[in-house]
C-alpha atoms as a PDB file:
ATOM      1  CA  MET A   1      12.272  22.347  -2.372  1.00  0.00           C
ATOM      2  CA  GLU A   2      13.731  19.770  -1.034  1.00  0.00           C
ATOM      3  CA  LYS A   3      14.449  16.823  -2.983  1.00  0.00           C
ATOM      4  CA  ILE A   4      11.780  14.327  -2.820  1.00  0.00           C
ATOM      5  CA  SER A   5      13.014  10.070  -4.102  1.00  0.00           C
ATOM      6  CA  ILE A   6      10.273   8.537  -6.061  1.00  0.00           C
ATOM      7  CA  ILE A   7      10.897   4.839  -5.955  1.00  0.00           C
ATOM      8  CA  ILE A   8       8.551   3.071  -9.058  1.00  0.00           C
ATOM      9  CA  PRO A   9       9.297  -1.066  -8.478  1.00  0.00           C
ATOM     10  CA  ILE A  10       8.945  -2.602 -12.023  1.00  0.00           C
ATOM     11  CA  TYR A  11       8.414  -6.191 -13.480  1.00  0.00           C
ATOM     12  CA  ASN A  12       6.992  -6.649 -16.491  1.00  0.00           C
ATOM     13  CA  ALA A  13       5.233  -3.644 -17.193  1.00  0.00           C
ATOM     14  CA  GLU A  14       5.970  -2.608 -20.776  1.00  0.00           C
ATOM     15  CA  LEU A  15       2.461  -2.058 -21.632  1.00  0.00           C
ATOM     16  CA  PHE A  16       1.873   0.673 -18.592  1.00  0.00           C
ATOM     17  CA  LEU A  17       5.165   2.277 -17.884  1.00  0.00           C
ATOM     18  CA  ASP A  18       5.331   4.551 -20.117  1.00  0.00           C
ATOM     19  CA  ARG A  19       2.331   6.221 -18.950  1.00  0.00           C
ATOM     20  CA  CYS A  20       4.063   6.048 -15.465  1.00  0.00           C
ATOM     21  CA  LEU A  21       7.158   7.650 -15.841  1.00  0.00           C
ATOM     22  CA  GLU A  22       5.701  10.091 -18.379  1.00  0.00           C
ATOM     23  CA  SER A  23       3.608  11.335 -15.538  1.00  0.00           C
ATOM     24  CA  VAL A  24       6.129  11.659 -13.063  1.00  0.00           C
ATOM     25  CA  ALA A  25       8.462  13.367 -15.496  1.00  0.00           C
ATOM     26  CA  SER A  26       6.059  16.231 -15.857  1.00  0.00           C
ATOM     27  CA  GLN A  27       5.615  16.501 -12.010  1.00  0.00           C
ATOM     28  CA  THR A  28       5.282  20.614 -11.231  1.00  0.00           C
ATOM     29  CA  TYR A  29       7.587  20.244  -8.428  1.00  0.00           C
ATOM     30  CA  SER A  30      11.180  19.579 -10.246  1.00  0.00           C
ATOM     31  CA  ASN A  31      13.480  18.651  -7.452  1.00  0.00           C
ATOM     32  CA  ILE A  32      12.731  14.911  -7.563  1.00  0.00           C
ATOM     33  CA  GLU A  33      14.725  11.766  -8.106  1.00  0.00           C
ATOM     34  CA  VAL A  34      13.112   8.574  -9.882  1.00  0.00           C
ATOM     35  CA  LEU A  35      14.451   5.365  -8.687  1.00  0.00           C
ATOM     36  CA  CYS A  36      13.048   2.478 -11.238  1.00  0.00           C
ATOM     37  CA  VAL A  37      13.871  -0.583 -10.021  1.00  0.00           C
ATOM     38  CA  ASP A  38      13.919  -3.571 -12.486  1.00  0.00           C
ATOM     39  CA  ASP A  39      12.759  -6.396 -10.821  1.00  0.00           C
ATOM     40  CA  GLY A  40      14.321  -8.729 -13.447  1.00  0.00           C
ATOM     41  CA  SER A  41      11.580  -8.416 -16.146  1.00  0.00           C
ATOM     42  CA  THR A  42      11.777 -10.211 -19.251  1.00  0.00           C
ATOM     43  CA  ASP A  43      10.073  -7.841 -21.294  1.00  0.00           C
ATOM     44  CA  ASN A  44      11.667  -4.406 -22.547  1.00  0.00           C
ATOM     45  CA  SER A  45      10.462  -2.214 -19.031  1.00  0.00           C
ATOM     46  CA  ARG A  46      14.201  -1.726 -18.343  1.00  0.00           C
ATOM     47  CA  GLY A  47      14.560  -0.118 -22.003  1.00  0.00           C
ATOM     48  CA  ILE A  48      11.704   2.373 -21.384  1.00  0.00           C
ATOM     49  CA  CYS A  49      13.372   3.502 -17.934  1.00  0.00           C
ATOM     50  CA  GLU A  50      16.392   3.689 -19.657  1.00  0.00           C
ATOM     51  CA  LYS A  51      14.898   5.613 -22.198  1.00  0.00           C
ATOM     52  CA  PHE A  52      13.668   7.830 -19.689  1.00  0.00           C
ATOM     53  CA  ALA A  53      17.287   8.514 -17.981  1.00  0.00           C
ATOM     54  CA  LYS A  54      18.884   9.270 -21.097  1.00  0.00           C
ATOM     55  CA  ARG A  55      16.220  12.309 -21.563  1.00  0.00           C
ATOM     56  CA  ASP A  56      15.793  12.742 -17.892  1.00  0.00           C
ATOM     57  CA  SER A  57      18.774  12.676 -15.422  1.00  0.00           C
ATOM     58  CA  ARG A  58      16.863  12.981 -12.749  1.00  0.00           C
ATOM     59  CA  PHE A  59      16.047   9.572 -13.427  1.00  0.00           C
ATOM     60  CA  LYS A  60      18.297   6.404 -12.038  1.00  0.00           C
ATOM     61  CA  VAL A  61      17.678   2.949 -13.179  1.00  0.00           C
ATOM     62  CA  PHE A  62      18.389   0.146 -11.350  1.00  0.00           C
ATOM     63  CA  SER A  63      18.525  -3.725 -11.953  1.00  0.00           C
ATOM     64  CA  LYS A  64      18.376  -7.103  -9.407  1.00  0.00           C
ATOM     65  CA  VAL A  65      17.760 -10.275  -9.945  1.00  0.00           C
ATOM     66  CA  ASN A  66      13.591 -10.961  -9.660  1.00  0.00           C
ATOM     67  CA  GLY A  67      13.058 -10.897  -6.252  1.00  0.00           C
ATOM     68  CA  GLY A  68       9.429  -9.064  -5.704  1.00  0.00           C
ATOM     69  CA  GLU A  69       8.039  -5.387  -4.751  1.00  0.00           C
ATOM     70  CA  SER A  70       9.398  -5.479  -1.241  1.00  0.00           C
ATOM     71  CA  SER A  71      12.501  -6.369  -2.317  1.00  0.00           C
ATOM     72  CA  ALA A  72      12.587  -3.830  -5.326  1.00  0.00           C
ATOM     73  CA  ARG A  73      11.293  -1.199  -2.717  1.00  0.00           C
ATOM     74  CA  ASN A  74      14.248  -1.900  -0.479  1.00  0.00           C
ATOM     75  CA  THR A  75      16.959  -1.414  -3.682  1.00  0.00           C
ATOM     76  CA  GLY A  76      14.955   2.111  -4.201  1.00  0.00           C
ATOM     77  CA  LEU A  77      15.245   2.895  -0.342  1.00  0.00           C
ATOM     78  CA  ARG A  78      18.794   1.707  -0.078  1.00  0.00           C
ATOM     79  CA  ASN A  79      20.016   4.331  -2.673  1.00  0.00           C
ATOM     80  CA  ALA A  80      18.107   7.355  -1.949  1.00  0.00           C
ATOM     81  CA  THR A  81      18.975  10.336  -1.314  1.00  0.00           C
ATOM     82  CA  GLY A  82      16.018  12.509  -0.707  1.00  0.00           C
ATOM     83  CA  LYS A  83      14.358  14.238   2.015  1.00  0.00           C
ATOM     84  CA  TYR A  84      11.319  12.636   1.253  1.00  0.00           C
ATOM     85  CA  ILE A  85       9.997   9.452  -0.127  1.00  0.00           C
ATOM     86  CA  GLY A  86       7.770   8.399  -1.817  1.00  0.00           C
ATOM     87  CA  PHE A  87       6.270   5.349  -3.984  1.00  0.00           C
ATOM     88  CA  ILE A  88       4.468   4.470  -7.113  1.00  0.00           C
ATOM     89  CA  ASP A  89       3.573   1.357  -8.696  1.00  0.00           C
ATOM     90  CA  ASN A  90       4.695   0.774 -12.319  1.00  0.00           C
ATOM     91  CA  ASP A  91       1.183   0.633 -13.702  1.00  0.00           C
ATOM     92  CA  ASP A  92      -0.285   3.226 -11.982  1.00  0.00           C
ATOM     93  CA  TRP A  93      -0.186   6.989 -12.995  1.00  0.00           C
ATOM     94  CA  VAL A  94      -0.027  10.746 -10.809  1.00  0.00           C
ATOM     95  CA  GLU A  95      -1.539  13.968 -11.441  1.00  0.00           C
ATOM     96  CA  PRO A  96       1.067  16.543 -12.285  1.00  0.00           C
ATOM     97  CA  ASP A  97       0.316  18.454  -8.963  1.00  0.00           C
ATOM     98  CA  MET A  98       0.376  15.548  -6.794  1.00  0.00           C
ATOM     99  CA  TYR A  99       4.279  15.988  -5.215  1.00  0.00           C
ATOM    100  CA  GLU A 100       3.966  19.067  -5.067  1.00  0.00           C
ATOM    101  CA  ILE A 101       0.538  19.270  -3.077  1.00  0.00           C
ATOM    102  CA  LEU A 102       2.134  16.485  -0.413  1.00  0.00           C
ATOM    103  CA  TYR A 103       5.345  18.228   0.316  1.00  0.00           C
ATOM    104  CA  LYS A 104       3.626  21.598   0.658  1.00  0.00           C
ATOM    105  CA  THR A 105       1.142  20.122   2.641  1.00  0.00           C
ATOM    106  CA  ALA A 106       3.647  18.444   4.943  1.00  0.00           C
ATOM    107  CA  LEU A 107       5.400  21.978   5.357  1.00  0.00           C
ATOM    108  CA  ASP A 108       2.303  23.397   6.340  1.00  0.00           C
ATOM    109  CA  PHE A 109       1.475  21.169   8.837  1.00  0.00           C
ATOM    110  CA  ASP A 110       5.361  19.764   9.778  1.00  0.00           C
ATOM    111  CA  VAL A 111       4.365  16.777   9.713  1.00  0.00           C
ATOM    112  CA  PRO A 112       6.696  13.253   8.608  1.00  0.00           C
ATOM    113  CA  ILE A 113       4.256  11.693   6.472  1.00  0.00           C
ATOM    114  CA  SER A 114       1.178  13.606   3.533  1.00  0.00           C
ATOM    115  CA  VAL A 115      -1.461  11.996   2.229  1.00  0.00           C
ATOM    116  CA  VAL A 116      -3.648  12.581  -0.547  1.00  0.00           C
ATOM    117  CA  ASN A 117      -7.347  10.863  -1.731  1.00  0.00           C
ATOM    118  CA  PHE A 118      -6.694   9.299  -5.260  1.00  0.00           C
ATOM    119  CA  PHE A 119      -8.558   7.336  -8.074  1.00  0.00           C
ATOM    120  CA  ARG A 120      -9.684   3.592  -8.501  1.00  0.00           C
ATOM    121  CA  ASN A 121      -9.279   3.141 -12.561  1.00  0.00           C
ATOM    122  CA  THR A 122      -9.963   0.192 -14.961  1.00  0.00           C
ATOM    123  CA  GLN A 123      -9.757  -0.099 -18.551  1.00  0.00           C
ATOM    124  CA  THR A 124     -13.011   1.714 -18.714  1.00  0.00           C
ATOM    125  CA  GLU A 125     -13.826   3.916 -15.984  1.00  0.00           C
ATOM    126  CA  GLN A 126     -12.457   5.989 -13.438  1.00  0.00           C
ATOM    127  CA  THR A 127     -14.028   6.359  -9.514  1.00  0.00           C
ATOM    128  CA  LYS A 128     -12.957   8.813  -7.367  1.00  0.00           C
ATOM    129  CA  MET A 129     -12.564   7.397  -4.159  1.00  0.00           C
ATOM    130  CA  VAL A 130     -15.344   9.001  -1.330  1.00  0.00           C
ATOM    131  CA  ASN A 131     -14.695   8.744   2.552  1.00  0.00           C
ATOM    132  CA  ILE A 132     -18.153   7.812   4.463  1.00  0.00           C
ATOM    133  CA  ASN A 133     -16.637   9.505   7.396  1.00  0.00           C
ATOM    134  CA  THR A 134     -14.946  13.014   6.912  1.00  0.00           C
ATOM    135  CA  ILE A 135     -11.538  12.876   7.869  1.00  0.00           C
ATOM    136  CA  PRO A 136     -10.882  16.120  10.031  1.00  0.00           C
ATOM    137  CA  ASP A 137      -8.353  18.932   8.868  1.00  0.00           C
ATOM    138  CA  GLY A 138      -5.327  19.047  10.461  1.00  0.00           C
ATOM    139  CA  VAL A 139      -2.616  17.080  12.378  1.00  0.00           C
ATOM    140  CA  ILE A 140      -3.622  13.205  12.598  1.00  0.00           C
ATOM    141  CA  SER A 141      -2.235  11.559  15.137  1.00  0.00           C
ATOM    142  CA  PRO A 142      -0.956   7.788  14.944  1.00  0.00           C
ATOM    143  CA  LYS A 143      -3.511   5.975  16.250  1.00  0.00           C
ATOM    144  CA  ASP A 144      -5.813   7.887  13.654  1.00  0.00           C
ATOM    145  CA  MET A 145      -4.368   7.411  11.132  1.00  0.00           C
ATOM    146  CA  MET A 146      -4.237   3.797  11.869  1.00  0.00           C
ATOM    147  CA  ILE A 147      -8.168   3.612  12.222  1.00  0.00           C
ATOM    148  CA  TYR A 148      -8.077   5.061   8.811  1.00  0.00           C
ATOM    149  CA  ALA A 149      -6.202   2.806   7.033  1.00  0.00           C
ATOM    150  CA  LEU A 150      -8.171  -0.235   8.589  1.00  0.00           C
ATOM    151  CA  ASN A 151     -11.474   0.725   8.550  1.00  0.00           C
ATOM    152  CA  ARG A 152     -11.644   1.241   4.756  1.00  0.00           C
ATOM    153  CA  ASP A 153     -15.252   1.048   4.768  1.00  0.00           C
ATOM    154  CA  ASN A 154     -15.704   3.974   6.004  1.00  0.00           C
ATOM    155  CA  TYR A 155     -12.463   6.069   4.957  1.00  0.00           C
ATOM    156  CA  ARG A 156     -11.981   4.678   0.900  1.00  0.00           C
ATOM    157  CA  GLY A 157      -9.737   7.584   0.234  1.00  0.00           C
ATOM    158  CA  TYR A 158      -7.253   6.847   2.798  1.00  0.00           C
ATOM    159  CA  CYS A 159      -6.232   3.452   2.374  1.00  0.00           C
ATOM    160  CA  SER A 160      -2.991   1.327   4.138  1.00  0.00           C
ATOM    161  CA  TYR A 161      -1.305   1.447   0.960  1.00  0.00           C
ATOM    162  CA  ILE A 162       2.094   3.526   0.331  1.00  0.00           C
ATOM    163  CA  TRP A 163       1.349   4.668  -2.799  1.00  0.00           C
ATOM    164  CA  ASN A 164      -1.052   7.858  -2.308  1.00  0.00           C
ATOM    165  CA  LYS A 165       2.014   9.278   0.438  1.00  0.00           C
ATOM    166  CA  LEU A 166       4.664  10.971   1.116  1.00  0.00           C
ATOM    167  CA  PHE A 167       7.263   9.974   3.709  1.00  0.00           C
ATOM    168  CA  ASN A 168       9.908  11.971   5.263  1.00  0.00           C
ATOM    169  CA  ALA A 169      13.006   9.812   4.629  1.00  0.00           C
ATOM    170  CA  ASP A 170      14.744  10.467   8.225  1.00  0.00           C
ATOM    171  CA  LEU A 171      11.530   8.629  10.301  1.00  0.00           C
ATOM    172  CA  ILE A 172      12.178   5.935   7.747  1.00  0.00           C
ATOM    173  CA  GLN A 173      16.014   5.528   8.404  1.00  0.00           C
ATOM    174  CA  LYS A 174      16.029   6.415  12.502  1.00  0.00           C
ATOM    175  CA  ASN A 175      13.554   3.435  12.487  1.00  0.00           C
ATOM    176  CA  ASN A 176      15.395   1.206  10.259  1.00  0.00           C
ATOM    177  CA  LEU A 177      12.767   0.635   8.127  1.00  0.00           C
ATOM    178  CA  LEU A 178      12.468  -1.896   5.279  1.00  0.00           C
ATOM    179  CA  PHE A 179      10.090  -3.858   3.802  1.00  0.00           C
ATOM    180  CA  ASP A 180       9.643  -7.339   4.393  1.00  0.00           C
ATOM    181  CA  GLU A 181      11.082  -9.011   1.397  1.00  0.00           C
ATOM    182  CA  SER A 182       9.679 -12.629   3.086  1.00  0.00           C
ATOM    183  CA  LEU A 183       6.017 -11.569   2.103  1.00  0.00           C
ATOM    184  CA  LYS A 184       5.079 -11.466  -2.436  1.00  0.00           C
ATOM    185  CA  PHE A 185       1.740  -9.950  -0.964  1.00  0.00           C
ATOM    186  CA  GLY A 186       1.287  -7.113   2.155  1.00  0.00           C
ATOM    187  CA  GLY A 187       4.442  -5.970   2.254  1.00  0.00           C
ATOM    188  CA  ASP A 188       2.973  -2.243   1.879  1.00  0.00           C
ATOM    189  CA  VAL A 189       0.466  -2.544   4.590  1.00  0.00           C
ATOM    190  CA  LEU A 190       2.955  -3.945   6.882  1.00  0.00           C
ATOM    191  CA  PHE A 191       5.350  -0.938   5.942  1.00  0.00           C
ATOM    192  CA  HIS A 192       3.253   1.683   6.348  1.00  0.00           C
ATOM    193  CA  ALA A 193       1.824   0.477   9.653  1.00  0.00           C
ATOM    194  CA  GLN A 194       5.526   0.016  10.824  1.00  0.00           C
ATOM    195  CA  VAL A 195       6.023   3.574   9.680  1.00  0.00           C
ATOM    196  CA  VAL A 196       2.901   5.503  11.259  1.00  0.00           C
ATOM    197  CA  LEU A 197       3.601   4.050  14.701  1.00  0.00           C
ATOM    198  CA  SER A 198       6.977   4.879  14.954  1.00  0.00           C
ATOM    199  CA  ASP A 199       7.858   7.122  17.690  1.00  0.00           C
ATOM    200  CA  GLY A 200       7.654  11.172  16.460  1.00  0.00           C
ATOM    201  CA  CYS A 201       4.994  10.338  13.551  1.00  0.00           C
ATOM    202  CA  LYS A 202       1.852  12.274  12.917  1.00  0.00           C
ATOM    203  CA  GLY A 203      -0.042  12.914   9.702  1.00  0.00           C
ATOM    204  CA  VAL A 204      -2.168  15.267   7.259  1.00  0.00           C
ATOM    205  CA  TYR A 205      -4.486  14.419   4.947  1.00  0.00           C
ATOM    206  CA  ASN A 206      -6.149  16.250   1.710  1.00  0.00           C
ATOM    207  CA  GLU A 207      -9.250  15.189  -0.013  1.00  0.00           C
ATOM    208  CA  LYS A 208      -8.157  15.971  -3.255  1.00  0.00           C
ATOM    209  CA  PRO A 209      -7.518  12.863  -5.566  1.00  0.00           C
ATOM    210  CA  LEU A 210      -4.117  13.072  -7.250  1.00  0.00           C
ATOM    211  CA  TYR A 211      -3.191   9.344  -7.786  1.00  0.00           C
ATOM    212  CA  HIS A 212      -4.592   7.104  -9.942  1.00  0.00           C
ATOM    213  CA  TYR A 213      -4.755   3.466  -8.999  1.00  0.00           C
ATOM    214  CA  PHE A 214      -5.094   1.109 -11.301  1.00  0.00           C
ATOM    215  CA  GLN A 215      -6.828  -2.050 -11.250  1.00  0.00           C
ATOM    216  CA  ARG A 216      -6.014  -5.132 -13.970  1.00  0.00           C
ATOM    217  CA  GLU A 217      -6.566  -8.657 -13.758  1.00  0.00           C
ATOM    218  CA  SER A 218      -3.196 -10.183 -13.827  1.00  0.00           C
ATOM    219  CA  SER A 219      -2.191  -8.293 -10.952  1.00  0.00           C
ATOM    220  CA  THR A 220      -0.911  -9.856  -7.974  1.00  0.00           C
ATOM    221  CA  ALA A 221      -3.919  -9.308  -5.994  1.00  0.00           C
ATOM    222  CA  HIS A 222      -6.283 -10.812  -8.059  1.00  0.00           C
ATOM    223  CA  LYS A 223      -4.003 -13.611  -8.781  1.00  0.00           C
ATOM    224  CA  ARG A 224      -5.318 -16.937  -7.343  1.00  0.00           C
ATOM    225  CA  ASP A 225      -2.654 -18.210  -5.433  1.00  0.00           C
ATOM    226  CA  ILE A 226      -3.100 -19.669  -1.869  1.00  0.00           C
ATOM    227  CA  SER A 227       0.789 -18.764  -1.277  1.00  0.00           C
ATOM    228  CA  ILE A 228       0.092 -15.431  -2.120  1.00  0.00           C
ATOM    229  CA  LYS A 229      -2.863 -14.855  -0.027  1.00  0.00           C
ATOM    230  CA  MET A 230      -0.921 -16.492   3.190  1.00  0.00           C
ATOM    231  CA  ASP A 231       1.363 -13.517   2.912  1.00  0.00           C
ATOM    232  CA  ILE A 232      -1.211 -11.091   3.101  1.00  0.00           C
ATOM    233  CA  LEU A 233      -2.437 -12.926   6.584  1.00  0.00           C
ATOM    234  CA  LYS A 234       0.769 -13.120   7.772  1.00  0.00           C
ATOM    235  CA  ALA A 235       0.571  -9.118   7.248  1.00  0.00           C
ATOM    236  CA  TYR A 236      -2.767  -8.463   9.307  1.00  0.00           C
ATOM    237  CA  LYS A 237      -0.795 -10.941  11.887  1.00  0.00           C
ATOM    238  CA  HIS A 238       2.139  -8.315  12.003  1.00  0.00           C
ATOM    239  CA  ILE A 239       0.068  -5.185  12.327  1.00  0.00           C
ATOM    240  CA  GLU A 240      -2.173  -6.288  15.019  1.00  0.00           C
ATOM    241  CA  ALA A 241       0.416  -8.138  17.465  1.00  0.00           C
ATOM    242  CA  LEU A 242       2.531  -3.943  16.180  1.00  0.00           C
ATOM    243  CA  LEU A 243      -0.799  -2.487  17.570  1.00  0.00           C
ATOM    244  CA  ILE A 244      -0.784  -4.334  21.169  1.00  0.00           C
ATOM    245  CA  LYS A 245       2.851  -3.622  21.215  1.00  0.00           C
ATOM    246  CA  LYS A 246       2.667   0.011  20.746  1.00  0.00           C
ATOM    247  CA  GLY A 247      -0.266   0.212  23.054  1.00  0.00           C
ATOM    248  CA  HIS A 248      -3.263   0.626  20.764  1.00  0.00           C
ATOM    249  CA  LEU A 249      -5.139  -2.867  22.304  1.00  0.00           C
ATOM    250  CA  ASP A 250      -8.403  -1.045  21.788  1.00  0.00           C
ATOM    251  CA  ILE A 251      -8.127  -0.957  17.731  1.00  0.00           C
ATOM    252  CA  SER A 252      -6.562  -4.059  17.324  1.00  0.00           C
ATOM    253  CA  PHE A 253      -9.378  -5.602  16.398  1.00  0.00           C
ATOM    254  CA  TRP A 254      -9.354  -3.685  12.926  1.00  0.00           C
ATOM    255  CA  ALA A 255      -6.744  -5.640  12.228  1.00  0.00           C
ATOM    256  CA  GLY A 256      -8.074  -9.034  13.481  1.00  0.00           C
ATOM    257  CA  GLY A 257     -11.151  -7.905  11.133  1.00  0.00           C
ATOM    258  CA  PHE A 258      -8.851  -7.964   7.833  1.00  0.00           C
ATOM    259  CA  TYR A 259      -6.618 -11.017   9.363  1.00  0.00           C
ATOM    260  CA  CYS A 260     -10.350 -12.266   9.331  1.00  0.00           C
ATOM    261  CA  TYR A 261     -11.608 -11.484   5.751  1.00  0.00           C
ATOM    262  CA  HIS A 262      -8.652 -12.326   3.791  1.00  0.00           C
ATOM    263  CA  ALA A 263      -8.974 -15.849   6.242  1.00  0.00           C
ATOM    264  CA  ILE A 264     -12.253 -16.456   4.647  1.00  0.00           C
ATOM    265  CA  ARG A 265     -11.205 -15.181   1.303  1.00  0.00           C
ATOM    266  CA  THR A 266      -8.130 -17.843   1.141  1.00  0.00           C
ATOM    267  CA  ALA A 267     -10.873 -20.260   2.453  1.00  0.00           C
ATOM    268  CA  GLU A 268     -13.009 -20.183  -0.033  1.00  0.00           C
ATOM    269  CA  LEU A 269      -9.610 -20.170  -2.787  1.00  0.00           C
ATOM    270  CA  ALA A 270      -9.123 -23.401  -0.787  1.00  0.00           C
ATOM    271  CA  ILE A 271     -12.515 -25.176  -1.659  1.00  0.00           C
ATOM    272  CA  GLU A 272     -12.234 -24.289  -5.311  1.00  0.00           C
ATOM    273  CA  GLN A 273      -8.760 -25.838  -5.124  1.00  0.00           C
ATOM    274  CA  LYS A 274      -9.665 -28.727  -3.208  1.00  0.00           C
ATOM    275  CA  ASN A 275      -7.184 -27.962  -0.857  1.00  0.00           C
ATOM    276  CA  THR A 276      -8.357 -29.417   2.463  1.00  0.00           C
ATOM    277  CA  ASP A 277      -5.766 -28.764   4.522  1.00  0.00           C
ATOM    278  CA  VAL A 278      -5.463 -24.973   3.915  1.00  0.00           C
ATOM    279  CA  LEU A 279      -9.524 -24.935   4.585  1.00  0.00           C
ATOM    280  CA  SER A 280      -9.242 -26.781   7.686  1.00  0.00           C
ATOM    281  CA  LEU A 281      -6.207 -23.947   9.233  1.00  0.00           C
ATOM    282  CA  MET A 282      -8.530 -20.919   7.679  1.00  0.00           C
ATOM    283  CA  LYS A 283     -11.978 -22.370   9.510  1.00  0.00           C
ATOM    284  CA  ARG A 284      -9.879 -22.398  12.888  1.00  0.00           C
ATOM    285  CA  GLU A 285      -8.516 -18.906  12.347  1.00  0.00           C
ATOM    286  CA  ILE A 286     -12.007 -17.524  10.971  1.00  0.00           C
ATOM    287  CA  GLN A 287     -13.442 -19.000  14.334  1.00  0.00           C
ATOM    288  CA  LEU A 288     -10.333 -17.055  16.638  1.00  0.00           C
ATOM    289  CA  TYR A 289     -11.116 -13.677  15.003  1.00  0.00           C
ATOM    290  CA  THR A 290     -14.851 -14.103  14.169  1.00  0.00           C
ATOM    291  CA  ASP A 291     -15.908 -11.216  17.207  1.00  0.00           C
ATOM    292  CA  ASP A 292     -13.377  -9.370  15.099  1.00  0.00           C
ATOM    293  CA  TYR A 293     -15.045 -10.128  12.279  1.00  0.00           C
ATOM    294  CA  ILE A 294     -18.349  -9.043  13.306  1.00  0.00           C
ATOM    295  CA  LYS A 295     -17.210  -5.794  15.299  1.00  0.00           C
ATOM    296  CA  THR A 296     -15.759  -4.369  12.116  1.00  0.00           C
ATOM    297  CA  ASN A 297     -18.548  -5.166   9.821  1.00  0.00           C
ATOM    298  CA  GLU A 298     -21.518  -4.547  12.358  1.00  0.00           C
ATOM    299  CA  ASN A 299     -22.983  -2.987   9.333  1.00  0.00           C
ATOM    300  CA  PHE A 300     -22.837  -5.355   6.925  1.00  0.00           C
ATOM    301  CA  PRO A 301     -25.148  -8.305   8.249  1.00  0.00           C
ATOM    302  CA  GLU A 302     -25.047 -10.033   4.887  1.00  0.00           C
ATOM    303  CA  LYS A 303     -21.197 -10.375   6.142  1.00  0.00           C
ATOM    304  CA  HIS A 304     -21.584 -12.411   8.433  1.00  0.00           C
ATOM    305  CA  GLU A 305     -24.243 -14.569   7.064  1.00  0.00           C
ATOM    306  CA  GLN A 306     -21.278 -15.520   5.060  1.00  0.00           C
ATOM    307  CA  LEU A 307     -19.066 -16.200   7.444  1.00  0.00           C
ATOM    308  CA  TYR A 308     -21.269 -18.374   9.420  1.00  0.00           C
ATOM    309  CA  ASN A 309     -22.038 -20.342   6.579  1.00  0.00           C
ATOM    310  CA  LEU A 310     -18.457 -20.871   5.963  1.00  0.00           C
ATOM    311  CA  ILE A 311     -17.834 -22.009   9.120  1.00  0.00           C
ATOM    312  CA  ARG A 312     -20.973 -24.445   9.253  1.00  0.00           C
ATOM    313  CA  GLY A 313     -19.886 -25.466   5.411  1.00  0.00           C
END
C-alpha cells in the first residue's frame, strides 16, 4: 500500500470541482495524497478545495499565480511525496476503484506505467472508448506504448494523455522530468512521451474504463486561438525529435502525421480569421509532412482529399 500522489491542476472549475474531488475522496485505495493546485482561479475553486482539505487530511491545497496547466502540474510534482503519481483534470472524474486497479496492475507486472481505458463524457452522453486493434495482455515496450498513443484511430482507449495512467515517481525523478511551462496546450502529450521513452520504462494496459474525460466547449482544447494551436505543433515536433533521438526513426512518422493533422486544423483557423501569415506557414509545414499524414491515414482517403484541397486552395 505505497502512497499515490494525485495531482489536480485547478482553474475556475467551481461548476465541476465537487464531482472531481468527491470521486477522488471515494477511492477504494486509501493511501493517497491529493494535491489540489489552484492556478490563480477567480471563482470559488479554492474554497471548494479547502472544504475537502478540512474534512480529509489527505487533501492538500496549493495556490499560485496563474501560469497554465503545465506550471500547476509542476507545482504538484515538486510537492508530491508518493511512490506513484497520478493526474486528473479538474472537470473530469474517476471510478472508485481506478487507483486500486492501476496500482495492483503495476505491481503484478512490475512496470513503472499502468494504463486503463476511459469514457468520453458530454453533458448528455457517455461513450466507452473502443480499441479497433487489440492491445495484448502483458508488459508493453516503450516503442509499442508510443504507437498506441499516436495511432489514435486504432487505439482509442490508450491515448497520449496522462490522466488515465499511473507513473512510478522514481522514473520521473531520476530523469528530472517536468512539464514544459512554455506550452499552453500539448504539455501533457509531450510529458507522456518523455516518460515513456526514458531508460528502463515499460508499461501495462487494462481494458476496463475507469476515467471519465468530460468534453466541454469552453475547454482549452476547443478554443479558437491560434497561439494554442501553435503550441500543440511545438509539442509534436519535440515528440518527433525525441523518437528519432531514442532510436525509433521507424515510427517517428506517427508524430509527423499528428503534426500535420494539427497544422491542417491551424490552417483552417487561419483561413477563418484571415491570418495570411499563419496560413502560408502552415501550408509549407503541411507540404513537408504530407507523406507522414498520408501514411498515418491510409484507411481514410477522405482525409487525403481534405489535405490536397487545403494545399491547392
